[in-house]
């Protein structure tokens, strides 16, 4: 094997990345911690009398979560449509 063939050799002999495991880890471990931190920040702001800012931030966070859920749904529905339209034979 020559040095110029190394990238091809590495690409062909590496393991695939477990993306579903990464997503499950993020959803089960990281996301709850981030949401708890946001909740603490919102409670601290509300105690200071910044209720309007808390409501605005909460609304933005909820809309952001809705967009993320919509994107995940779009990917799943799109993947299903591609599987239906382009069947492997």
PDB file of N, CA and C in Angstrom:
ATOM      1  N   UNK A   1       0.844  -1.174   0.000  1.00  0.00           N
ATOM      2  CA  UNK A   1       0.000   0.000   0.000  1.00  0.00           C
ATOM      3  C   UNK A   1       0.891   1.239   0.000  1.00  0.00           C
ATOM      4  N   UNK A   2       0.562   2.157  -0.869  1.00  0.00           N
ATOM      5  CA  UNK A   2       1.312   3.401  -0.938  1.00  0.00           C
ATOM      6  C   UNK A   2       0.619   4.477  -0.113  1.00  0.00           C
ATOM      7  N   UNK A   3       1.352   5.542   0.152  1.00  0.00           N
ATOM      8  CA  UNK A   3       0.819   6.616   0.989  1.00  0.00           C
ATOM      9  C   UNK A   3      -0.410   7.259   0.361  1.00  0.00           C
ATOM     10  N   UNK A   4      -0.459   7.360  -0.947  1.00  0.00           N
ATOM     11  CA  UNK A   4      -1.599   8.000  -1.605  1.00  0.00           C
ATOM     12  C   UNK A   4      -2.867   7.154  -1.515  1.00  0.00           C
ATOM     13  N   UNK A   5      -2.731   5.863  -1.222  1.00  0.00           N
ATOM     14  CA  UNK A   5      -3.891   4.982  -1.078  1.00  0.00           C
ATOM     15  C   UNK A   5      -4.422   4.941   0.351  1.00  0.00           C
ATOM     16  N   UNK A   6      -3.766   5.610   1.285  1.00  0.00           N
ATOM     17  CA  UNK A   6      -4.144   5.550   2.697  1.00  0.00           C
ATOM     18  C   UNK A   6      -5.567   6.049   2.971  1.00  0.00           C
ATOM     19  N   UNK A   7      -6.001   7.193   2.405  1.00  0.00           N
ATOM     20  CA  UNK A   7      -7.385   7.632   2.700  1.00  0.00           C
ATOM     21  C   UNK A   7      -8.434   6.614   2.264  1.00  0.00           C
ATOM     22  N   UNK A   8      -8.223   5.966   1.138  1.00  0.00           N
ATOM     23  CA  UNK A   8      -9.184   4.967   0.672  1.00  0.00           C
ATOM     24  C   UNK A   8      -9.187   3.745   1.592  1.00  0.00           C
ATOM     25  N   UNK A   9      -8.000   3.341   2.037  1.00  0.00           N
ATOM     26  CA  UNK A   9      -7.889   2.211   2.945  1.00  0.00           C
ATOM     27  C   UNK A   9      -8.577   2.508   4.273  1.00  0.00           C
ATOM     28  N   UNK A  10      -8.356   3.698   4.789  1.00  0.00           N
ATOM     29  CA  UNK A  10      -8.966   4.079   6.065  1.00  0.00           C
ATOM     30  C   UNK A  10     -10.476   4.157   5.922  1.00  0.00           C
ATOM     31  N   UNK A  11     -10.959   4.736   4.822  1.00  0.00           N
ATOM     32  CA  UNK A  11     -12.405   4.869   4.620  1.00  0.00           C
ATOM     33  C   UNK A  11     -13.084   3.514   4.482  1.00  0.00           C
ATOM     34  N   UNK A  12     -12.413   2.563   3.897  1.00  0.00           N
ATOM     35  CA  UNK A  12     -13.022   1.253   3.670  1.00  0.00           C
ATOM     36  C   UNK A  12     -12.948   0.355   4.907  1.00  0.00           C
ATOM     37  N   UNK A  13     -12.047   0.643   5.844  1.00  0.00           N
ATOM     38  CA  UNK A  13     -11.858  -0.239   6.985  1.00  0.00           C
ATOM     39  C   UNK A  13     -12.240   0.388   8.325  1.00  0.00           C
ATOM     40  N   UNK A  14     -12.957   1.478   8.304  1.00  0.00           N
ATOM     41  CA  UNK A  14     -13.412   2.071   9.556  1.00  0.00           C
ATOM     42  C   UNK A  14     -14.841   1.644   9.835  1.00  0.00           C
ATOM     43  N   UNK A  15     -15.204   1.651  11.107  1.00  0.00           N
ATOM     44  CA  UNK A  15     -16.555   1.279  11.498  1.00  0.00           C
ATOM     45  C   UNK A  15     -17.507   2.435  11.218  1.00  0.00           C
ATOM     46  N   UNK A  16     -18.754   2.098  11.013  1.00  0.00           N
ATOM     47  CA  UNK A  16     -19.748   3.139  10.776  1.00  0.00           C
ATOM     48  C   UNK A  16     -20.118   3.804  12.101  1.00  0.00           C
ATOM     49  N   UNK A  17     -20.631   5.009  12.035  1.00  0.00           N
ATOM     50  CA  UNK A  17     -21.009   5.771  13.220  1.00  0.00           C
ATOM     51  C   UNK A  17     -22.448   5.437  13.579  1.00  0.00           C
ATOM     52  N   UNK A  18     -22.685   5.154  14.831  1.00  0.00           N
ATOM     53  CA  UNK A  18     -24.017   4.814  15.322  1.00  0.00           C
ATOM     54  C   UNK A  18     -24.785   6.104  15.609  1.00  0.00           C
ATOM     55  N   UNK A  19     -25.412   6.678  14.587  1.00  0.00           N
ATOM     56  CA  UNK A  19     -26.102   7.953  14.752  1.00  0.00           C
ATOM     57  C   UNK A  19     -27.336   7.825  15.631  1.00  0.00           C
ATOM     58  N   UNK A  20     -28.029   6.706  15.570  1.00  0.00           N
ATOM     59  CA  UNK A  20     -29.210   6.550  16.428  1.00  0.00           C
ATOM     60  C   UNK A  20     -28.798   6.486  17.896  1.00  0.00           C
ATOM     61  N   UNK A  21     -27.658   5.889  18.186  1.00  0.00           N
ATOM     62  CA  UNK A  21     -27.162   5.871  19.559  1.00  0.00           C
ATOM     63  C   UNK A  21     -26.793   7.253  20.056  1.00  0.00           C
ATOM     64  N   UNK A  22     -26.205   8.054  19.169  1.00  0.00           N
ATOM     65  CA  UNK A  22     -25.841   9.425  19.531  1.00  0.00           C
ATOM     66  C   UNK A  22     -27.090  10.246  19.813  1.00  0.00           C
ATOM     67  N   UNK A  23     -28.105  10.099  18.978  1.00  0.00           N
ATOM     68  CA  UNK A  23     -29.356  10.836  19.165  1.00  0.00           C
ATOM     69  C   UNK A  23     -30.043  10.395  20.454  1.00  0.00           C
ATOM     70  N   UNK A  24     -30.065   9.077  20.718  1.00  0.00           N
ATOM     71  CA  UNK A  24     -30.677   8.583  21.952  1.00  0.00           C
ATOM     72  C   UNK A  24     -29.944   9.113  23.178  1.00  0.00           C
ATOM     73  N   UNK A  25     -28.598   9.150  23.115  1.00  0.00           N
ATOM     74  CA  UNK A  25     -27.821   9.681  24.230  1.00  0.00           C
ATOM     75  C   UNK A  25     -28.146  11.151  24.459  1.00  0.00           C
ATOM     76  N   UNK A  26     -28.212  11.925  23.378  1.00  0.00           N
ATOM     77  CA  UNK A  26     -28.518  13.349  23.498  1.00  0.00           C
ATOM     78  C   UNK A  26     -29.901  13.559  24.113  1.00  0.00           C
ATOM     79  N   UNK A  27     -30.884  12.794  23.625  1.00  0.00           N
ATOM     80  CA  UNK A  27     -32.252  12.968  24.117  1.00  0.00           C
ATOM     81  C   UNK A  27     -32.418  12.497  25.560  1.00  0.00           C
ATOM     82  N   UNK A  28     -31.666  11.484  25.971  1.00  0.00           N
ATOM     83  CA  UNK A  28     -31.847  10.953  27.315  1.00  0.00           C
ATOM     84  C   UNK A  28     -30.961  11.623  28.362  1.00  0.00           C
ATOM     85  N   UNK A  29     -29.815  12.153  27.975  1.00  0.00           N
ATOM     86  CA  UNK A  29     -28.882  12.706  28.959  1.00  0.00           C
ATOM     87  C   UNK A  29     -28.694  14.220  28.846  1.00  0.00           C
ATOM     88  N   UNK A  30     -28.452  14.716  27.663  1.00  0.00           N
ATOM     89  CA  UNK A  30     -28.074  16.122  27.474  1.00  0.00           C
ATOM     90  C   UNK A  30     -29.297  17.040  27.481  1.00  0.00           C
ATOM     91  N   UNK A  31     -30.345  16.687  26.745  1.00  0.00           N
ATOM     92  CA  UNK A  31     -31.520  17.554  26.622  1.00  0.00           C
ATOM     93  C   UNK A  31     -32.181  17.856  27.973  1.00  0.00           C
ATOM     94  N   UNK A  32     -32.379  16.862  28.862  1.00  0.00           N
ATOM     95  CA  UNK A  32     -32.982  17.201  30.156  1.00  0.00           C
ATOM     96  C   UNK A  32     -32.121  18.163  30.982  1.00  0.00           C
ATOM     97  N   UNK A  33     -30.813  18.007  30.905  1.00  0.00           N
ATOM     98  CA  UNK A  33     -29.929  18.912  31.645  1.00  0.00           C
ATOM     99  C   UNK A  33     -30.052  20.331  31.103  1.00  0.00           C
ATOM    100  N   UNK A  34     -30.073  20.474  29.778  1.00  0.00           N
ATOM    101  CA  UNK A  34     -30.220  21.805  29.186  1.00  0.00           C
ATOM    102  C   UNK A  34     -31.566  22.428  29.536  1.00  0.00           C
ATOM    103  N   UNK A  35     -32.616  21.624  29.520  1.00  0.00           N
ATOM    104  CA  UNK A  35     -33.939  22.149  29.887  1.00  0.00           C
ATOM    105  C   UNK A  35     -33.990  22.553  31.358  1.00  0.00           C
ATOM    106  N   UNK A  36     -33.322  21.800  32.223  1.00  0.00           N
ATOM    107  CA  UNK A  36     -33.272  22.162  33.641  1.00  0.00           C
ATOM    108  C   UNK A  36     -32.528  23.484  33.837  1.00  0.00           C
ATOM    109  N   UNK A  37     -31.441  23.666  33.102  1.00  0.00           N
ATOM    110  CA  UNK A  37     -30.689  24.927  33.187  1.00  0.00           C
ATOM    111  C   UNK A  37     -31.550  26.092  32.723  1.00  0.00           C
ATOM    112  N   UNK A  38     -32.284  25.899  31.617  1.00  0.00           N
ATOM    113  CA  UNK A  38     -33.196  26.952  31.147  1.00  0.00           C
ATOM    114  C   UNK A  38     -34.261  27.257  32.194  1.00  0.00           C
ATOM    115  N   UNK A  39     -34.796  26.224  32.820  1.00  0.00           N
ATOM    116  CA  UNK A  39     -35.804  26.431  33.853  1.00  0.00           C
ATOM    117  C   UNK A  39     -35.269  27.228  35.030  1.00  0.00           C
ATOM    118  N   UNK A  40     -34.049  26.923  35.443  1.00  0.00           N
ATOM    119  CA  UNK A  40     -33.437  27.672  36.554  1.00  0.00           C
ATOM    120  C   UNK A  40     -33.234  29.133  36.168  1.00  0.00           C
ATOM    121  N   UNK A  41     -32.783  29.362  34.941  1.00  0.00           N
ATOM    122  CA  UNK A  41     -32.598  30.747  34.478  1.00  0.00           C
ATOM    123  C   UNK A  41     -33.927  31.489  34.450  1.00  0.00           C
ATOM    124  N   UNK A  42     -34.980  30.830  33.962  1.00  0.00           N
ATOM    125  CA  UNK A  42     -36.290  31.477  33.900  1.00  0.00           C
ATOM    126  C   UNK A  42     -36.817  31.786  35.296  1.00  0.00           C
ATOM    127  N   UNK A  43     -36.647  30.851  36.237  1.00  0.00           N
ATOM    128  CA  UNK A  43     -37.114  31.091  37.602  1.00  0.00           C
ATOM    129  C   UNK A  43     -36.344  32.236  38.241  1.00  0.00           C
ATOM    130  N   UNK A  44     -35.034  32.286  38.007  1.00  0.00           N
ATOM    131  CA  UNK A  44     -34.227  33.373  38.574  1.00  0.00           C
ATOM    132  C   UNK A  44     -34.650  34.723  38.014  1.00  0.00           C
ATOM    133  N   UNK A  45     -34.942  34.766  36.727  1.00  0.00           N
ATOM    134  CA  UNK A  45     -35.401  36.026  36.128  1.00  0.00           C
ATOM    135  C   UNK A  45     -36.760  36.425  36.679  1.00  0.00           C
ATOM    136  N   UNK A  46     -37.652  35.437  36.847  1.00  0.00           N
ATOM    137  CA  UNK A  46     -38.990  35.740  37.349  1.00  0.00           C
ATOM    138  C   UNK A  46     -38.918  36.283  38.780  1.00  0.00           C
ATOM    139  N   UNK A  47     -37.978  35.771  39.561  1.00  0.00           N
ATOM    140  CA  UNK A  47     -37.832  36.275  40.935  1.00  0.00           C
ATOM    141  C   UNK A  47     -37.338  37.712  40.960  1.00  0.00           C
ATOM    142  N   UNK A  48     -36.632  38.130  39.915  1.00  0.00           N
ATOM    143  CA  UNK A  48     -36.138  39.511  39.838  1.00  0.00           C
ATOM    144  C   UNK A  48     -37.199  40.469  39.305  1.00  0.00           C
ATOM    145  N   UNK A  49     -38.355  39.948  38.929  1.00  0.00           N
ATOM    146  CA  UNK A  49     -39.416  40.802  38.423  1.00  0.00           C
ATOM    147  C   UNK A  49     -39.430  40.954  36.918  1.00  0.00           C
ATOM    148  N   UNK A  50     -38.669  40.142  36.217  1.00  0.00           N
ATOM    149  CA  UNK A  50     -38.606  40.223  34.755  1.00  0.00           C
ATOM    150  C   UNK A  50     -39.534  39.184  34.129  1.00  0.00           C
ATOM    151  N   UNK A  51     -40.794  39.219  34.521  1.00  0.00           N
ATOM    152  CA  UNK A  51     -41.752  38.211  34.078  1.00  0.00           C
ATOM    153  C   UNK A  51     -41.984  38.306  32.571  1.00  0.00           C
ATOM    154  N   UNK A  52     -42.022  39.507  32.014  1.00  0.00           N
ATOM    155  CA  UNK A  52     -42.251  39.641  30.579  1.00  0.00           C
ATOM    156  C   UNK A  52     -41.099  39.021  29.785  1.00  0.00           C
ATOM    157  N   UNK A  53     -39.873  39.199  30.259  1.00  0.00           N
ATOM    158  CA  UNK A  53     -38.730  38.569  29.570  1.00  0.00           C
ATOM    159  C   UNK A  53     -38.794  37.047  29.685  1.00  0.00           C
ATOM    160  N   UNK A  54     -39.239  36.559  30.841  1.00  0.00           N
ATOM    161  CA  UNK A  54     -39.369  35.114  31.030  1.00  0.00           C
ATOM    162  C   UNK A  54     -40.412  34.558  30.070  1.00  0.00           C
ATOM    163  N   UNK A  55     -41.532  35.234  29.951  1.00  0.00           N
ATOM    164  CA  UNK A  55     -42.575  34.767  29.027  1.00  0.00           C
ATOM    165  C   UNK A  55     -42.092  34.793  27.590  1.00  0.00           C
ATOM    166  N   UNK A  56     -41.365  35.844  27.221  1.00  0.00           N
ATOM    167  CA  UNK A  56     -40.828  35.928  25.862  1.00  0.00           C
ATOM    168  C   UNK A  56     -39.837  34.807  25.606  1.00  0.00           C
ATOM    169  N   UNK A  57     -38.920  34.594  26.547  1.00  0.00           N
ATOM    170  CA  UNK A  57     -37.925  33.530  26.387  1.00  0.00           C
ATOM    171  C   UNK A  57     -38.578  32.157  26.347  1.00  0.00           C
ATOM    172  N   UNK A  58     -39.572  31.952  27.196  1.00  0.00           N
ATOM    173  CA  UNK A  58     -40.277  30.671  27.213  1.00  0.00           C
ATOM    174  C   UNK A  58     -40.996  30.423  25.893  1.00  0.00           C
ATOM    175  N   UNK A  59     -41.617  31.454  25.371  1.00  0.00           N
ATOM    176  CA  UNK A  59     -42.310  31.317  24.092  1.00  0.00           C
ATOM    177  C   UNK A  59     -41.332  31.001  22.977  1.00  0.00           C
ATOM    178  N   UNK A  60     -40.196  31.667  22.962  1.00  0.00           N
ATOM    179  CA  UNK A  60     -39.178  31.397  21.940  1.00  0.00           C
ATOM    180  C   UNK A  60     -38.665  29.969  22.063  1.00  0.00           C
ATOM    181  N   UNK A  61     -38.450  29.507  23.299  1.00  0.00           N
ATOM    182  CA  UNK A  61     -37.978  28.135  23.501  1.00  0.00           C
ATOM    183  C   UNK A  61     -39.007  27.117  23.026  1.00  0.00           C
ATOM    184  N   UNK A  62     -40.277  27.363  23.308  1.00  0.00           N
ATOM    185  CA  UNK A  62     -41.335  26.440  22.880  1.00  0.00           C
ATOM    186  C   UNK A  62     -41.450  26.422  21.360  1.00  0.00           C
ATOM    187  N   UNK A  63     -41.365  27.574  20.731  1.00  0.00           N
ATOM    188  CA  UNK A  63     -41.412  27.630  19.267  1.00  0.00           C
ATOM    189  C   UNK A  63     -40.203  26.905  18.671  1.00  0.00           C
ATOM    190  N   UNK A  64     -39.037  27.076  19.289  1.00  0.00           N
ATOM    191  CA  UNK A  64     -37.844  26.373  18.823  1.00  0.00           C
ATOM    192  C   UNK A  64     -38.001  24.869  18.910  1.00  0.00           C
ATOM    193  N   UNK A  65     -38.555  24.389  20.024  1.00  0.00           N
ATOM    194  CA  UNK A  65     -38.806  22.955  20.155  1.00  0.00           C
ATOM    195  C   UNK A  65     -39.813  22.457  19.120  1.00  0.00           C
ATOM    196  N   UNK A  66     -40.804  23.284  18.817  1.00  0.00           N
ATOM    197  CA  UNK A  66     -41.785  22.903  17.790  1.00  0.00           C
ATOM    198  C   UNK A  66     -41.120  22.794  16.423  1.00  0.00           C
ATOM    199  N   UNK A  67     -40.206  23.715  16.113  1.00  0.00           N
ATOM    200  CA  UNK A  67     -39.488  23.637  14.846  1.00  0.00           C
ATOM    201  C   UNK A  67     -38.610  22.391  14.781  1.00  0.00           C
ATOM    202  N   UNK A  68     -37.949  22.053  15.886  1.00  0.00           N
ATOM    203  CA  UNK A  68     -37.118  20.850  15.904  1.00  0.00           C
ATOM    204  C   UNK A  68     -37.979  19.605  15.713  1.00  0.00           C
ATOM    205  N   UNK A  69     -39.122  19.542  16.394  1.00  0.00           N
ATOM    206  CA  UNK A  69     -40.025  18.406  16.230  1.00  0.00           C
ATOM    207  C   UNK A  69     -40.553  18.328  14.799  1.00  0.00           C
ATOM    208  N   UNK A  70     -40.842  19.479  14.206  1.00  0.00           N
ATOM    209  CA  UNK A  70     -41.285  19.485  12.809  1.00  0.00           C
ATOM    210  C   UNK A  70     -40.212  19.001  11.865  1.00  0.00           C
ATOM    211  N   UNK A  71     -38.966  19.373  12.129  1.00  0.00           N
ATOM    212  CA  UNK A  71     -37.869  18.927  11.278  1.00  0.00           C
ATOM    213  C   UNK A  71     -37.676  17.418  11.386  1.00  0.00           C
ATOM    214  N   UNK A  72     -37.767  16.885  12.598  1.00  0.00           N
ATOM    215  CA  UNK A  72     -37.638  15.438  12.781  1.00  0.00           C
ATOM    216  C   UNK A  72     -38.771  14.715  12.070  1.00  0.00           C
ATOM    217  N   UNK A  73     -39.977  15.236  12.194  1.00  0.00           N
ATOM    218  CA  UNK A  73     -41.121  14.636  11.504  1.00  0.00           C
ATOM    219  C   UNK A  73     -40.928  14.683   9.992  1.00  0.00           C
ATOM    220  N   UNK A  74     -40.436  15.804   9.494  1.00  0.00           N
ATOM    221  CA  UNK A  74     -40.200  15.935   8.051  1.00  0.00           C
ATOM    222  C   UNK A  74     -39.161  14.932   7.568  1.00  0.00           C
ATOM    223  N   UNK A  75     -38.116  14.722   8.339  1.00  0.00           N
ATOM    224  CA  UNK A  75     -37.091  13.755   7.955  1.00  0.00           C
ATOM    225  C   UNK A  75     -37.673  12.348   7.934  1.00  0.00           C
ATOM    226  N   UNK A  76     -38.467  12.003   8.955  1.00  0.00           N
ATOM    227  CA  UNK A  76     -39.061  10.662   9.004  1.00  0.00           C
ATOM    228  C   UNK A  76     -40.047  10.435   7.868  1.00  0.00           C
ATOM    229  N   UNK A  77     -40.909  11.427   7.636  1.00  0.00           N
ATOM    230  CA  UNK A  77     -41.886  11.304   6.545  1.00  0.00           C
ATOM    231  C   UNK A  77     -41.174  11.281   5.197  1.00  0.00           C
ATOM    232  N   UNK A  78     -40.161  12.129   5.040  1.00  0.00           N
ATOM    233  CA  UNK A  78     -39.400  12.144   3.786  1.00  0.00           C
ATOM    234  C   UNK A  78     -38.692  10.829   3.537  1.00  0.00           C
ATOM    235  N   UNK A  79     -38.109  10.247   4.602  1.00  0.00           N
ATOM    236  CA  UNK A  79     -37.455   8.946   4.458  1.00  0.00           C
ATOM    237  C   UNK A  79     -38.440   7.865   4.060  1.00  0.00           C
ATOM    238  N   UNK A  80     -39.636   7.908   4.643  1.00  0.00           N
ATOM    239  CA  UNK A  80     -40.671   6.942   4.272  1.00  0.00           C
ATOM    240  C   UNK A  80     -41.118   7.095   2.830  1.00  0.00           C
ATOM    241  N   UNK A  81     -41.259   8.344   2.374  1.00  0.00           N
ATOM    242  CA  UNK A  81     -41.655   8.580   0.979  1.00  0.00           C
ATOM    243  C   UNK A  81     -40.575   8.115   0.010  1.00  0.00           C
ATOM    244  N   UNK A  82     -39.331   8.348   0.335  1.00  0.00           N
ATOM    245  CA  UNK A  82     -38.243   7.888  -0.525  1.00  0.00           C
ATOM    246  C   UNK A  82     -38.229   6.372  -0.591  1.00  0.00           C
ATOM    247  N   UNK A  83     -38.445   5.704   0.545  1.00  0.00           N
ATOM    248  CA  UNK A  83     -38.492   4.244   0.556  1.00  0.00           C
ATOM    249  C   UNK A  83     -39.640   3.710  -0.278  1.00  0.00           C
ATOM    250  N   UNK A  84     -40.770   4.406  -0.261  1.00  0.00           N
ATOM    251  CA  UNK A  84     -41.917   3.963  -1.048  1.00  0.00           C
ATOM    252  C   UNK A  84     -41.676   4.185  -2.544  1.00  0.00           C
ATOM    253  N   UNK A  85     -41.145   5.369  -2.896  1.00  0.00           N
ATOM    254  CA  UNK A  85     -40.960   5.697  -4.306  1.00  0.00           C
ATOM    255  C   UNK A  85     -39.805   4.930  -4.957  1.00  0.00           C
ATOM    256  N   UNK A  86     -38.754   4.690  -4.217  1.00  0.00           N
ATOM    257  CA  UNK A  86     -37.585   4.051  -4.781  1.00  0.00           C
ATOM    258  C   UNK A  86     -37.319   2.738  -4.054  1.00  0.00           C
ATOM    259  N   UNK A  87     -38.073   1.729  -4.451  1.00  0.00           N
ATOM    260  CA  UNK A  87     -37.939   0.418  -3.814  1.00  0.00           C
ATOM    261  C   UNK A  87     -36.670  -0.273  -4.287  1.00  0.00           C
ATOM    262  N   UNK A  88     -35.995  -0.934  -3.335  1.00  0.00           N
ATOM    263  CA  UNK A  88     -34.824  -1.744  -3.705  1.00  0.00           C
ATOM    264  C   UNK A  88     -35.314  -3.093  -4.163  1.00  0.00           C
ATOM    265  N   UNK A  89     -34.772  -3.538  -5.243  1.00  0.00           N
ATOM    266  CA  UNK A  89     -35.197  -4.842  -5.766  1.00  0.00           C
ATOM    267  C   UNK A  89     -34.070  -5.815  -5.785  1.00  0.00           C
TER     268      UNK A  89
END
